[in-house]
């Protein structure tokens, strides 16, 4: 499987996101699930997966984003938003209309790193 991997460490939340850019998102999605013994959700086994966000519900701090080799900005923002919400939730940060800065800062950081691939 042809792939490129980017690791994004988020020190403030003691978290690591592994971003995988690949030609076959579904195949790599299933590989991550199998290799890390993650619970298979119905949406994770959908043959129409174009991008994916995975996490281990039993372990806080390790996350995966699986994207096509040339993801659209929509794919990046969409999957980064899933990651941002999950990371903030895992670390007890409540976000709402009166406390949206943690989401805005973290999501912006992730989108920029994923888009620039560094």
PDB file of N, CA and C in Angstrom:
ATOM      1  N   UNK A   1       0.838  -1.174   0.000  1.00  0.00           N
ATOM      2  CA  UNK A   1       0.000   0.000   0.000  1.00  0.00           C
ATOM      3  C   UNK A   1       0.882   1.235   0.000  1.00  0.00           C
ATOM      4  N   UNK A   2       0.687   2.082  -0.968  1.00  0.00           N
ATOM      5  CA  UNK A   2       1.435   3.320  -1.019  1.00  0.00           C
ATOM      6  C   UNK A   2       0.833   4.287  -0.006  1.00  0.00           C
ATOM      7  N   UNK A   3       1.691   4.876   0.826  1.00  0.00           N
ATOM      8  CA  UNK A   3       1.186   5.783   1.845  1.00  0.00           C
ATOM      9  C   UNK A   3       2.263   6.781   2.253  1.00  0.00           C
ATOM     10  N   UNK A   4       1.823   7.844   2.871  1.00  0.00           N
ATOM     11  CA  UNK A   4       2.706   8.828   3.491  1.00  0.00           C
ATOM     12  C   UNK A   4       2.160   9.070   4.882  1.00  0.00           C
ATOM     13  N   UNK A   5       3.033   9.155   5.865  1.00  0.00           N
ATOM     14  CA  UNK A   5       2.592   9.304   7.251  1.00  0.00           C
ATOM     15  C   UNK A   5       3.115  10.615   7.827  1.00  0.00           C
ATOM     16  N   UNK A   6       2.230  11.323   8.526  1.00  0.00           N
ATOM     17  CA  UNK A   6       2.564  12.545   9.246  1.00  0.00           C
ATOM     18  C   UNK A   6       2.136  12.348  10.693  1.00  0.00           C
ATOM     19  N   UNK A   7       3.035  12.594  11.627  1.00  0.00           N
ATOM     20  CA  UNK A   7       2.697  12.501  13.058  1.00  0.00           C
ATOM     21  C   UNK A   7       2.549  13.918  13.594  1.00  0.00           C
ATOM     22  N   UNK A   8       1.425  14.173  14.242  1.00  0.00           N
ATOM     23  CA  UNK A   8       1.168  15.481  14.836  1.00  0.00           C
ATOM     24  C   UNK A   8       1.045  15.304  16.341  1.00  0.00           C
ATOM     25  N   UNK A   9       2.019  15.831  17.073  1.00  0.00           N
ATOM     26  CA  UNK A   9       1.998  15.767  18.529  1.00  0.00           C
ATOM     27  C   UNK A   9       1.314  17.025  19.049  1.00  0.00           C
ATOM     28  N   UNK A  10       0.404  16.836  19.965  1.00  0.00           N
ATOM     29  CA  UNK A  10      -0.325  17.952  20.563  1.00  0.00           C
ATOM     30  C   UNK A  10       0.006  17.946  22.052  1.00  0.00           C
ATOM     31  N   UNK A  11       1.067  18.652  22.394  1.00  0.00           N
ATOM     32  CA  UNK A  11       1.606  18.611  23.755  1.00  0.00           C
ATOM     33  C   UNK A  11       0.595  19.028  24.820  1.00  0.00           C
ATOM     34  N   UNK A  12      -0.164  20.081  24.562  1.00  0.00           N
ATOM     35  CA  UNK A  12      -1.093  20.595  25.571  1.00  0.00           C
ATOM     36  C   UNK A  12      -2.134  19.551  25.979  1.00  0.00           C
ATOM     37  N   UNK A  13      -2.458  18.626  25.072  1.00  0.00           N
ATOM     38  CA  UNK A  13      -3.419  17.564  25.369  1.00  0.00           C
ATOM     39  C   UNK A  13      -2.759  16.192  25.435  1.00  0.00           C
ATOM     40  N   UNK A  14      -1.445  16.163  25.485  1.00  0.00           N
ATOM     41  CA  UNK A  14      -0.692  14.910  25.575  1.00  0.00           C
ATOM     42  C   UNK A  14      -1.251  13.874  24.593  1.00  0.00           C
ATOM     43  N   UNK A  15      -1.360  14.298  23.342  1.00  0.00           N
ATOM     44  CA  UNK A  15      -1.983  13.460  22.321  1.00  0.00           C
ATOM     45  C   UNK A  15      -1.111  13.379  21.075  1.00  0.00           C
ATOM     46  N   UNK A  16      -1.353  12.327  20.308  1.00  0.00           N
ATOM     47  CA  UNK A  16      -0.649  12.117  19.048  1.00  0.00           C
ATOM     48  C   UNK A  16      -1.655  11.694  17.991  1.00  0.00           C
ATOM     49  N   UNK A  17      -1.641  12.405  16.872  1.00  0.00           N
ATOM     50  CA  UNK A  17      -2.465  12.023  15.730  1.00  0.00           C
ATOM     51  C   UNK A  17      -1.531  11.534  14.639  1.00  0.00           C
ATOM     52  N   UNK A  18      -1.805  10.342  14.142  1.00  0.00           N
ATOM     53  CA  UNK A  18      -1.088   9.818  12.993  1.00  0.00           C
ATOM     54  C   UNK A  18      -1.969  10.036  11.775  1.00  0.00           C
ATOM     55  N   UNK A  19      -1.475  10.857  10.847  1.00  0.00           N
ATOM     56  CA  UNK A  19      -2.210  11.136   9.621  1.00  0.00           C
ATOM     57  C   UNK A  19      -1.608  10.270   8.527  1.00  0.00           C
ATOM     58  N   UNK A  20      -2.459   9.511   7.866  1.00  0.00           N
ATOM     59  CA  UNK A  20      -2.018   8.612   6.809  1.00  0.00           C
ATOM     60  C   UNK A  20      -2.676   9.052   5.507  1.00  0.00           C
ATOM     61  N   UNK A  21      -1.835   9.375   4.526  1.00  0.00           N
ATOM     62  CA  UNK A  21      -2.298   9.721   3.184  1.00  0.00           C
ATOM     63  C   UNK A  21      -2.089   8.463   2.330  1.00  0.00           C
ATOM     64  N   UNK A  22      -3.149   7.935   1.738  1.00  0.00           N
ATOM     65  CA  UNK A  22      -3.048   6.668   1.026  1.00  0.00           C
ATOM     66  C   UNK A  22      -3.967   6.634  -0.198  1.00  0.00           C
ATOM     67  N   UNK A  23      -3.651   5.745  -1.137  1.00  0.00           N
ATOM     68  CA  UNK A  23      -4.507   5.540  -2.313  1.00  0.00           C
ATOM     69  C   UNK A  23      -5.767   4.766  -1.954  1.00  0.00           C
ATOM     70  N   UNK A  24      -5.708   3.936  -0.916  1.00  0.00           N
ATOM     71  CA  UNK A  24      -6.838   3.077  -0.565  1.00  0.00           C
ATOM     72  C   UNK A  24      -7.240   3.313   0.893  1.00  0.00           C
ATOM     73  N   UNK A  25      -8.107   4.300   1.100  1.00  0.00           N
ATOM     74  CA  UNK A  25      -8.530   4.693   2.450  1.00  0.00           C
ATOM     75  C   UNK A  25      -9.215   3.534   3.168  1.00  0.00           C
ATOM     76  N   UNK A  26     -10.124   2.833   2.494  1.00  0.00           N
ATOM     77  CA  UNK A  26     -10.852   1.733   3.136  1.00  0.00           C
ATOM     78  C   UNK A  26      -9.906   0.633   3.604  1.00  0.00           C
ATOM     79  N   UNK A  27      -8.974   0.250   2.752  1.00  0.00           N
ATOM     80  CA  UNK A  27      -8.047  -0.819   3.110  1.00  0.00           C
ATOM     81  C   UNK A  27      -7.194  -0.405   4.324  1.00  0.00           C
ATOM     82  N   UNK A  28      -6.702   0.828   4.328  1.00  0.00           N
ATOM     83  CA  UNK A  28      -5.869   1.280   5.444  1.00  0.00           C
ATOM     84  C   UNK A  28      -6.706   1.481   6.702  1.00  0.00           C
ATOM     85  N   UNK A  29      -7.941   1.925   6.548  1.00  0.00           N
ATOM     86  CA  UNK A  29      -8.862   2.051   7.672  1.00  0.00           C
ATOM     87  C   UNK A  29      -9.019   0.691   8.364  1.00  0.00           C
ATOM     88  N   UNK A  30      -9.285  -0.338   7.576  1.00  0.00           N
ATOM     89  CA  UNK A  30      -9.464  -1.677   8.137  1.00  0.00           C
ATOM     90  C   UNK A  30      -8.177  -2.224   8.735  1.00  0.00           C
ATOM     91  N   UNK A  31      -7.038  -1.877   8.146  1.00  0.00           N
ATOM     92  CA  UNK A  31      -5.742  -2.317   8.680  1.00  0.00           C
ATOM     93  C   UNK A  31      -5.489  -1.698  10.061  1.00  0.00           C
ATOM     94  N   UNK A  32      -5.758  -0.417  10.210  1.00  0.00           N
ATOM     95  CA  UNK A  32      -5.573   0.255  11.505  1.00  0.00           C
ATOM     96  C   UNK A  32      -6.492  -0.370  12.553  1.00  0.00           C
ATOM     97  N   UNK A  33      -7.735  -0.619  12.176  1.00  0.00           N
ATOM     98  CA  UNK A  33      -8.694  -1.237  13.099  1.00  0.00           C
ATOM     99  C   UNK A  33      -8.185  -2.605  13.547  1.00  0.00           C
ATOM    100  N   UNK A  34      -7.741  -3.417  12.608  1.00  0.00           N
ATOM    101  CA  UNK A  34      -7.260  -4.761  12.926  1.00  0.00           C
ATOM    102  C   UNK A  34      -5.964  -4.719  13.743  1.00  0.00           C
ATOM    103  N   UNK A  35      -4.977  -3.951  13.283  1.00  0.00           N
ATOM    104  CA  UNK A  35      -3.668  -3.911  13.953  1.00  0.00           C
ATOM    105  C   UNK A  35      -3.742  -3.371  15.374  1.00  0.00           C
ATOM    106  N   UNK A  36      -4.695  -2.482  15.635  1.00  0.00           N
ATOM    107  CA  UNK A  36      -4.799  -1.856  16.950  1.00  0.00           C
ATOM    108  C   UNK A  36      -5.962  -2.393  17.770  1.00  0.00           C
ATOM    109  N   UNK A  37      -6.593  -3.454  17.239  1.00  0.00           N
ATOM    110  CA  UNK A  37      -7.705  -4.127  17.919  1.00  0.00           C
ATOM    111  C   UNK A  37      -8.794  -3.130  18.334  1.00  0.00           C
ATOM    112  N   UNK A  38      -9.142  -2.243  17.403  1.00  0.00           N
ATOM    113  CA  UNK A  38     -10.184  -1.261  17.655  1.00  0.00           C
ATOM    114  C   UNK A  38     -11.543  -1.880  17.410  1.00  0.00           C
ATOM    115  N   UNK A  39     -12.539  -1.346  18.056  1.00  0.00           N
ATOM    116  CA  UNK A  39     -13.899  -1.800  17.861  1.00  0.00           C
ATOM    117  C   UNK A  39     -14.360  -1.358  16.471  1.00  0.00           C
ATOM    118  N   UNK A  40     -14.870  -2.285  15.697  1.00  0.00           N
ATOM    119  CA  UNK A  40     -15.333  -1.986  14.348  1.00  0.00           C
ATOM    120  C   UNK A  40     -16.739  -1.413  14.420  1.00  0.00           C
ATOM    121  N   UNK A  41     -16.871  -0.170  13.991  1.00  0.00           N
ATOM    122  CA  UNK A  41     -18.176   0.465  13.943  1.00  0.00           C
ATOM    123  C   UNK A  41     -18.761   0.263  12.555  1.00  0.00           C
ATOM    124  N   UNK A  42     -20.075   0.353  12.450  1.00  0.00           N
ATOM    125  CA  UNK A  42     -20.732   0.133  11.158  1.00  0.00           C
ATOM    126  C   UNK A  42     -20.173   1.058  10.081  1.00  0.00           C
ATOM    127  N   UNK A  43     -19.971   2.342  10.440  1.00  0.00           N
ATOM    128  CA  UNK A  43     -19.473   3.289   9.430  1.00  0.00           C
ATOM    129  C   UNK A  43     -18.024   3.020   9.035  1.00  0.00           C
ATOM    130  N   UNK A  44     -17.265   2.277   9.867  1.00  0.00           N
ATOM    131  CA  UNK A  44     -15.879   1.961   9.546  1.00  0.00           C
ATOM    132  C   UNK A  44     -15.762   0.882   8.477  1.00  0.00           C
ATOM    133  N   UNK A  45     -16.828   0.168   8.210  1.00  0.00           N
ATOM    134  CA  UNK A  45     -16.790  -0.922   7.240  1.00  0.00           C
ATOM    135  C   UNK A  45     -17.591  -0.565   5.984  1.00  0.00           C
ATOM    136  N   UNK A  46     -17.730   0.713   5.748  1.00  0.00           N
ATOM    137  CA  UNK A  46     -18.484   1.205   4.605  1.00  0.00           C
ATOM    138  C   UNK A  46     -17.563   1.272   3.393  1.00  0.00           C
ATOM    139  N   UNK A  47     -17.949   0.673   2.304  1.00  0.00           N
ATOM    140  CA  UNK A  47     -17.089   0.647   1.120  1.00  0.00           C
ATOM    141  C   UNK A  47     -16.987   2.016   0.442  1.00  0.00           C
ATOM    142  N   UNK A  48     -17.769   2.988   0.899  1.00  0.00           N
ATOM    143  CA  UNK A  48     -17.734   4.332   0.328  1.00  0.00           C
ATOM    144  C   UNK A  48     -16.917   5.309   1.162  1.00  0.00           C
ATOM    145  N   UNK A  49     -16.020   4.806   1.994  1.00  0.00           N
ATOM    146  CA  UNK A  49     -15.202   5.681   2.829  1.00  0.00           C
ATOM    147  C   UNK A  49     -14.227   6.465   1.948  1.00  0.00           C
ATOM    148  N   UNK A  50     -14.258   7.782   2.100  1.00  0.00           N
ATOM    149  CA  UNK A  50     -13.326   8.642   1.362  1.00  0.00           C
ATOM    150  C   UNK A  50     -12.257   9.207   2.289  1.00  0.00           C
ATOM    151  N   UNK A  51     -12.531   9.202   3.589  1.00  0.00           N
ATOM    152  CA  UNK A  51     -11.599   9.670   4.613  1.00  0.00           C
ATOM    153  C   UNK A  51     -12.108   9.104   5.925  1.00  0.00           C
ATOM    154  N   UNK A  52     -11.225   9.045   6.933  1.00  0.00           N
ATOM    155  CA  UNK A  52     -11.629   8.389   8.171  1.00  0.00           C
ATOM    156  C   UNK A  52     -10.887   8.963   9.370  1.00  0.00           C
ATOM    157  N   UNK A  53     -11.581   9.026  10.506  1.00  0.00           N
ATOM    158  CA  UNK A  53     -10.981   9.372  11.791  1.00  0.00           C
ATOM    159  C   UNK A  53     -11.208   8.183  12.715  1.00  0.00           C
ATOM    160  N   UNK A  54     -10.132   7.671  13.298  1.00  0.00           N
ATOM    161  CA  UNK A  54     -10.229   6.525  14.205  1.00  0.00           C
ATOM    162  C   UNK A  54      -9.611   6.867  15.548  1.00  0.00           C
ATOM    163  N   UNK A  55     -10.141   6.247  16.581  1.00  0.00           N
ATOM    164  CA  UNK A  55      -9.582   6.396  17.927  1.00  0.00           C
ATOM    165  C   UNK A  55      -9.876   5.134  18.710  1.00  0.00           C
ATOM    166  N   UNK A  56      -9.090   4.923  19.726  1.00  0.00           N
ATOM    167  CA  UNK A  56      -9.293   3.773  20.607  1.00  0.00           C
ATOM    168  C   UNK A  56     -10.136   4.249  21.777  1.00  0.00           C
ATOM    169  N   UNK A  57     -11.370   3.761  21.920  1.00  0.00           N
ATOM    170  CA  UNK A  57     -12.218   4.232  23.015  1.00  0.00           C
ATOM    171  C   UNK A  57     -11.671   3.868  24.395  1.00  0.00           C
ATOM    172  N   UNK A  58     -10.708   2.965  24.447  1.00  0.00           N
ATOM    173  CA  UNK A  58     -10.127   2.550  25.728  1.00  0.00           C
ATOM    174  C   UNK A  58      -8.808   3.246  26.043  1.00  0.00           C
ATOM    175  N   UNK A  59      -8.367   4.144  25.164  1.00  0.00           N
ATOM    176  CA  UNK A  59      -7.071   4.790  25.346  1.00  0.00           C
ATOM    177  C   UNK A  59      -7.139   6.240  24.893  1.00  0.00           C
ATOM    178  N   UNK A  60      -6.953   7.149  25.807  1.00  0.00           N
ATOM    179  CA  UNK A  60      -6.967   8.571  25.474  1.00  0.00           C
ATOM    180  C   UNK A  60      -5.587   8.982  24.978  1.00  0.00           C
ATOM    181  N   UNK A  61      -5.559   9.727  23.893  1.00  0.00           N
ATOM    182  CA  UNK A  61      -4.306  10.315  23.442  1.00  0.00           C
ATOM    183  C   UNK A  61      -3.775   9.815  22.119  1.00  0.00           C
ATOM    184  N   UNK A  62      -4.342   8.734  21.553  1.00  0.00           N
ATOM    185  CA  UNK A  62      -3.863   8.204  20.278  1.00  0.00           C
ATOM    186  C   UNK A  62      -5.011   8.192  19.274  1.00  0.00           C
ATOM    187  N   UNK A  63      -4.766   8.852  18.142  1.00  0.00           N
ATOM    188  CA  UNK A  63      -5.799   9.030  17.134  1.00  0.00           C
ATOM    189  C   UNK A  63      -5.196   8.836  15.749  1.00  0.00           C
ATOM    190  N   UNK A  64      -6.041   8.470  14.775  1.00  0.00           N
ATOM    191  CA  UNK A  64      -5.604   8.287  13.391  1.00  0.00           C
ATOM    192  C   UNK A  64      -6.542   9.033  12.470  1.00  0.00           C
ATOM    193  N   UNK A  65      -5.974   9.705  11.479  1.00  0.00           N
ATOM    194  CA  UNK A  65      -6.732  10.277  10.371  1.00  0.00           C
ATOM    195  C   UNK A  65      -6.235   9.597   9.105  1.00  0.00           C
ATOM    196  N   UNK A  66      -7.141   9.053   8.321  1.00  0.00           N
ATOM    197  CA  UNK A  66      -6.766   8.386   7.083  1.00  0.00           C
ATOM    198  C   UNK A  66      -7.412   9.169   5.945  1.00  0.00           C
ATOM    199  N   UNK A  67      -6.557   9.676   5.080  1.00  0.00           N
ATOM    200  CA  UNK A  67      -7.000  10.553   4.005  1.00  0.00           C
ATOM    201  C   UNK A  67      -6.499  10.047   2.658  1.00  0.00           C
ATOM    202  N   UNK A  68      -7.184  10.437   1.577  1.00  0.00           N
ATOM    203  CA  UNK A  68      -6.637  10.120   0.269  1.00  0.00           C
ATOM    204  C   UNK A  68      -5.318  10.848   0.066  1.00  0.00           C
ATOM    205  N   UNK A  69      -4.526  10.392  -0.888  1.00  0.00           N
ATOM    206  CA  UNK A  69      -3.214  11.003  -1.109  1.00  0.00           C
ATOM    207  C   UNK A  69      -3.311  12.491  -1.406  1.00  0.00           C
ATOM    208  N   UNK A  70      -4.352  12.897  -2.079  1.00  0.00           N
ATOM    209  CA  UNK A  70      -4.571  14.319  -2.339  1.00  0.00           C
ATOM    210  C   UNK A  70      -5.957  14.683  -1.812  1.00  0.00           C
ATOM    211  N   UNK A  71      -6.060  14.913  -0.500  1.00  0.00           N
ATOM    212  CA  UNK A  71      -7.379  15.182   0.081  1.00  0.00           C
ATOM    213  C   UNK A  71      -7.887  16.570  -0.293  1.00  0.00           C
ATOM    214  N   UNK A  72      -9.193  16.676  -0.385  1.00  0.00           N
ATOM    215  CA  UNK A  72      -9.802  17.997  -0.597  1.00  0.00           C
ATOM    216  C   UNK A  72      -9.736  18.764   0.719  1.00  0.00           C
ATOM    217  N   UNK A  73      -9.866  20.075   0.641  1.00  0.00           N
ATOM    218  CA  UNK A  73      -9.891  20.868   1.869  1.00  0.00           C
ATOM    219  C   UNK A  73     -11.105  20.467   2.709  1.00  0.00           C
ATOM    220  N   UNK A  74     -12.200  20.093   2.054  1.00  0.00           N
ATOM    221  CA  UNK A  74     -13.379  19.617   2.778  1.00  0.00           C
ATOM    222  C   UNK A  74     -13.060  18.357   3.580  1.00  0.00           C
ATOM    223  N   UNK A  75     -12.365  17.393   2.965  1.00  0.00           N
ATOM    224  CA  UNK A  75     -11.982  16.174   3.688  1.00  0.00           C
ATOM    225  C   UNK A  75     -11.115  16.512   4.900  1.00  0.00           C
ATOM    226  N   UNK A  76     -10.161  17.410   4.710  1.00  0.00           N
ATOM    227  CA  UNK A  76      -9.243  17.778   5.796  1.00  0.00           C
ATOM    228  C   UNK A  76     -10.009  18.437   6.941  1.00  0.00           C
ATOM    229  N   UNK A  77     -10.820  19.432   6.630  1.00  0.00           N
ATOM    230  CA  UNK A  77     -11.565  20.151   7.672  1.00  0.00           C
ATOM    231  C   UNK A  77     -12.542  19.210   8.370  1.00  0.00           C
ATOM    232  N   UNK A  78     -13.230  18.386   7.585  1.00  0.00           N
ATOM    233  CA  UNK A  78     -14.213  17.449   8.146  1.00  0.00           C
ATOM    234  C   UNK A  78     -13.563  16.499   9.153  1.00  0.00           C
ATOM    235  N   UNK A  79     -12.501  15.818   8.737  1.00  0.00           N
ATOM    236  CA  UNK A  79     -11.853  14.836   9.621  1.00  0.00           C
ATOM    237  C   UNK A  79     -11.116  15.514  10.781  1.00  0.00           C
ATOM    238  N   UNK A  80     -10.519  16.684  10.531  1.00  0.00           N
ATOM    239  CA  UNK A  80      -9.866  17.421  11.618  1.00  0.00           C
ATOM    240  C   UNK A  80     -10.895  17.852  12.658  1.00  0.00           C
ATOM    241  N   UNK A  81     -12.101  18.174  12.229  1.00  0.00           N
ATOM    242  CA  UNK A  81     -13.156  18.552  13.176  1.00  0.00           C
ATOM    243  C   UNK A  81     -13.535  17.379  14.074  1.00  0.00           C
ATOM    244  N   UNK A  82     -13.659  16.182  13.487  1.00  0.00           N
ATOM    245  CA  UNK A  82     -13.917  14.992  14.311  1.00  0.00           C
ATOM    246  C   UNK A  82     -12.804  14.821  15.352  1.00  0.00           C
ATOM    247  N   UNK A  83     -11.566  14.938  14.899  1.00  0.00           N
ATOM    248  CA  UNK A  83     -10.426  14.767  15.805  1.00  0.00           C
ATOM    249  C   UNK A  83     -10.436  15.820  16.902  1.00  0.00           C
ATOM    250  N   UNK A  84     -10.683  17.063  16.533  1.00  0.00           N
ATOM    251  CA  UNK A  84     -10.693  18.159  17.508  1.00  0.00           C
ATOM    252  C   UNK A  84     -11.747  17.931  18.578  1.00  0.00           C
ATOM    253  N   UNK A  85     -12.955  17.597  18.160  1.00  0.00           N
ATOM    254  CA  UNK A  85     -14.040  17.371  19.125  1.00  0.00           C
ATOM    255  C   UNK A  85     -13.699  16.215  20.054  1.00  0.00           C
ATOM    256  N   UNK A  86     -13.177  15.122  19.512  1.00  0.00           N
ATOM    257  CA  UNK A  86     -12.848  13.955  20.336  1.00  0.00           C
ATOM    258  C   UNK A  86     -11.714  14.262  21.316  1.00  0.00           C
ATOM    259  N   UNK A  87     -10.666  14.931  20.854  1.00  0.00           N
ATOM    260  CA  UNK A  87      -9.544  15.265  21.737  1.00  0.00           C
ATOM    261  C   UNK A  87     -10.025  16.165  22.878  1.00  0.00           C
ATOM    262  N   UNK A  88     -10.783  17.196  22.545  1.00  0.00           N
ATOM    263  CA  UNK A  88     -11.276  18.098  23.587  1.00  0.00           C
ATOM    264  C   UNK A  88     -12.185  17.360  24.566  1.00  0.00           C
ATOM    265  N   UNK A  89     -13.073  16.519  24.050  1.00  0.00           N
ATOM    266  CA  UNK A  89     -13.954  15.721  24.906  1.00  0.00           C
ATOM    267  C   UNK A  89     -13.136  14.809  25.834  1.00  0.00           C
ATOM    268  N   UNK A  90     -12.140  14.116  25.263  1.00  0.00           N
ATOM    269  CA  UNK A  90     -11.315  13.195  26.054  1.00  0.00           C
ATOM    270  C   UNK A  90     -10.571  13.901  27.183  1.00  0.00           C
ATOM    271  N   UNK A  91     -10.321  15.186  27.008  1.00  0.00           N
ATOM    272  CA  UNK A  91      -9.557  15.936  28.009  1.00  0.00           C
ATOM    273  C   UNK A  91     -10.429  16.889  28.818  1.00  0.00           C
ATOM    274  N   UNK A  92     -11.733  16.654  28.787  1.00  0.00           N
ATOM    275  CA  UNK A  92     -12.653  17.387  29.654  1.00  0.00           C
ATOM    276  C   UNK A  92     -12.881  18.840  29.286  1.00  0.00           C
ATOM    277  N   UNK A  93     -12.618  19.197  28.046  1.00  0.00           N
ATOM    278  CA  UNK A  93     -12.835  20.578  27.612  1.00  0.00           C
ATOM    279  C   UNK A  93     -14.227  20.671  26.990  1.00  0.00           C
ATOM    280  N   UNK A  94     -15.100  21.422  27.644  1.00  0.00           N
ATOM    281  CA  UNK A  94     -16.447  21.614  27.123  1.00  0.00           C
ATOM    282  C   UNK A  94     -16.438  22.759  26.130  1.00  0.00           C
ATOM    283  N   UNK A  95     -17.009  22.520  24.967  1.00  0.00           N
ATOM    284  CA  UNK A  95     -17.083  23.580  23.959  1.00  0.00           C
ATOM    285  C   UNK A  95     -18.544  23.900  23.669  1.00  0.00           C
ATOM    286  N   UNK A  96     -18.827  25.170  23.553  1.00  0.00           N
ATOM    287  CA  UNK A  96     -20.149  25.656  23.170  1.00  0.00           C
ATOM    288  C   UNK A  96     -19.978  27.066  22.633  1.00  0.00           C
ATOM    289  N   UNK A  97     -21.076  27.767  22.409  1.00  0.00           N
ATOM    290  CA  UNK A  97     -20.987  29.101  21.808  1.00  0.00           C
ATOM    291  C   UNK A  97     -20.276  30.114  22.713  1.00  0.00           C
ATOM    292  N   UNK A  98     -20.191  29.839  24.003  1.00  0.00           N
ATOM    293  CA  UNK A  98     -19.492  30.745  24.919  1.00  0.00           C
ATOM    294  C   UNK A  98     -18.045  30.316  25.159  1.00  0.00           C
ATOM    295  N   UNK A  99     -17.681  29.129  24.722  1.00  0.00           N
ATOM    296  CA  UNK A  99     -16.318  28.622  24.911  1.00  0.00           C
ATOM    297  C   UNK A  99     -15.898  27.870  23.648  1.00  0.00           C
ATOM    298  N   UNK A 100     -15.733  28.616  22.570  1.00  0.00           N
ATOM    299  CA  UNK A 100     -15.394  27.989  21.293  1.00  0.00           C
ATOM    300  C   UNK A 100     -13.924  28.133  20.926  1.00  0.00           C
ATOM    301  N   UNK A 101     -13.162  28.920  21.673  1.00  0.00           N
ATOM    302  CA  UNK A 101     -11.754  29.135  21.322  1.00  0.00           C
ATOM    303  C   UNK A 101     -10.918  27.859  21.337  1.00  0.00           C
ATOM    304  N   UNK A 102     -11.091  26.959  22.321  1.00  0.00           N
ATOM    305  CA  UNK A 102     -10.291  25.726  22.262  1.00  0.00           C
ATOM    306  C   UNK A 102     -10.512  24.955  20.956  1.00  0.00           C
ATOM    307  N   UNK A 103     -11.773  24.880  20.513  1.00  0.00           N
ATOM    308  CA  UNK A 103     -12.066  24.206  19.248  1.00  0.00           C
ATOM    309  C   UNK A 103     -11.421  24.951  18.086  1.00  0.00           C
ATOM    310  N   UNK A 104     -11.607  26.265  18.037  1.00  0.00           N
ATOM    311  CA  UNK A 104     -11.105  27.056  16.912  1.00  0.00           C
ATOM    312  C   UNK A 104      -9.582  26.952  16.797  1.00  0.00           C
ATOM    313  N   UNK A 105      -8.883  27.094  17.913  1.00  0.00           N
ATOM    314  CA  UNK A 105      -7.418  27.033  17.869  1.00  0.00           C
ATOM    315  C   UNK A 105      -6.912  25.647  17.475  1.00  0.00           C
ATOM    316  N   UNK A 106      -7.437  24.587  18.133  1.00  0.00           N
ATOM    317  CA  UNK A 106      -6.957  23.240  17.845  1.00  0.00           C
ATOM    318  C   UNK A 106      -7.328  22.823  16.422  1.00  0.00           C
ATOM    319  N   UNK A 107      -8.550  23.097  16.003  1.00  0.00           N
ATOM    320  CA  UNK A 107      -8.954  22.701  14.656  1.00  0.00           C
ATOM    321  C   UNK A 107      -8.136  23.448  13.600  1.00  0.00           C
ATOM    322  N   UNK A 108      -7.915  24.729  13.795  1.00  0.00           N
ATOM    323  CA  UNK A 108      -7.095  25.493  12.862  1.00  0.00           C
ATOM    324  C   UNK A 108      -5.685  24.952  12.773  1.00  0.00           C
ATOM    325  N   UNK A 109      -5.116  24.607  13.922  1.00  0.00           N
ATOM    326  CA  UNK A 109      -3.765  24.032  13.966  1.00  0.00           C
ATOM    327  C   UNK A 109      -3.709  22.720  13.184  1.00  0.00           C
ATOM    328  N   UNK A 110      -4.688  21.841  13.434  1.00  0.00           N
ATOM    329  CA  UNK A 110      -4.699  20.544  12.749  1.00  0.00           C
ATOM    330  C   UNK A 110      -4.895  20.702  11.243  1.00  0.00           C
ATOM    331  N   UNK A 111      -5.830  21.542  10.844  1.00  0.00           N
ATOM    332  CA  UNK A 111      -6.080  21.739   9.412  1.00  0.00           C
ATOM    333  C   UNK A 111      -4.820  22.246   8.720  1.00  0.00           C
ATOM    334  N   UNK A 112      -4.144  23.211   9.329  1.00  0.00           N
ATOM    335  CA  UNK A 112      -2.930  23.753   8.718  1.00  0.00           C
ATOM    336  C   UNK A 112      -1.836  22.700   8.607  1.00  0.00           C
ATOM    337  N   UNK A 113      -1.619  21.924   9.670  1.00  0.00           N
ATOM    338  CA  UNK A 113      -0.595  20.875   9.638  1.00  0.00           C
ATOM    339  C   UNK A 113      -0.926  19.810   8.595  1.00  0.00           C
ATOM    340  N   UNK A 114      -2.174  19.384   8.545  1.00  0.00           N
ATOM    341  CA  UNK A 114      -2.572  18.339   7.597  1.00  0.00           C
ATOM    342  C   UNK A 114      -2.489  18.867   6.166  1.00  0.00           C
ATOM    343  N   UNK A 115      -2.963  20.083   5.941  1.00  0.00           N
ATOM    344  CA  UNK A 115      -2.936  20.668   4.600  1.00  0.00           C
ATOM    345  C   UNK A 115      -1.499  20.833   4.104  1.00  0.00           C
ATOM    346  N   UNK A 116      -0.623  21.325   4.967  1.00  0.00           N
ATOM    347  CA  UNK A 116       0.779  21.562   4.582  1.00  0.00           C
ATOM    348  C   UNK A 116       1.648  20.310   4.688  1.00  0.00           C
ATOM    349  N   UNK A 117       1.088  19.234   5.271  1.00  0.00           N
ATOM    350  CA  UNK A 117       1.798  17.954   5.437  1.00  0.00           C
ATOM    351  C   UNK A 117       3.119  18.118   6.186  1.00  0.00           C
ATOM    352  N   UNK A 118       3.104  18.967   7.214  1.00  0.00           N
ATOM    353  CA  UNK A 118       4.295  19.107   8.064  1.00  0.00           C
ATOM    354  C   UNK A 118       3.918  19.560   9.450  1.00  0.00           C
TER     355      UNK A 118
END
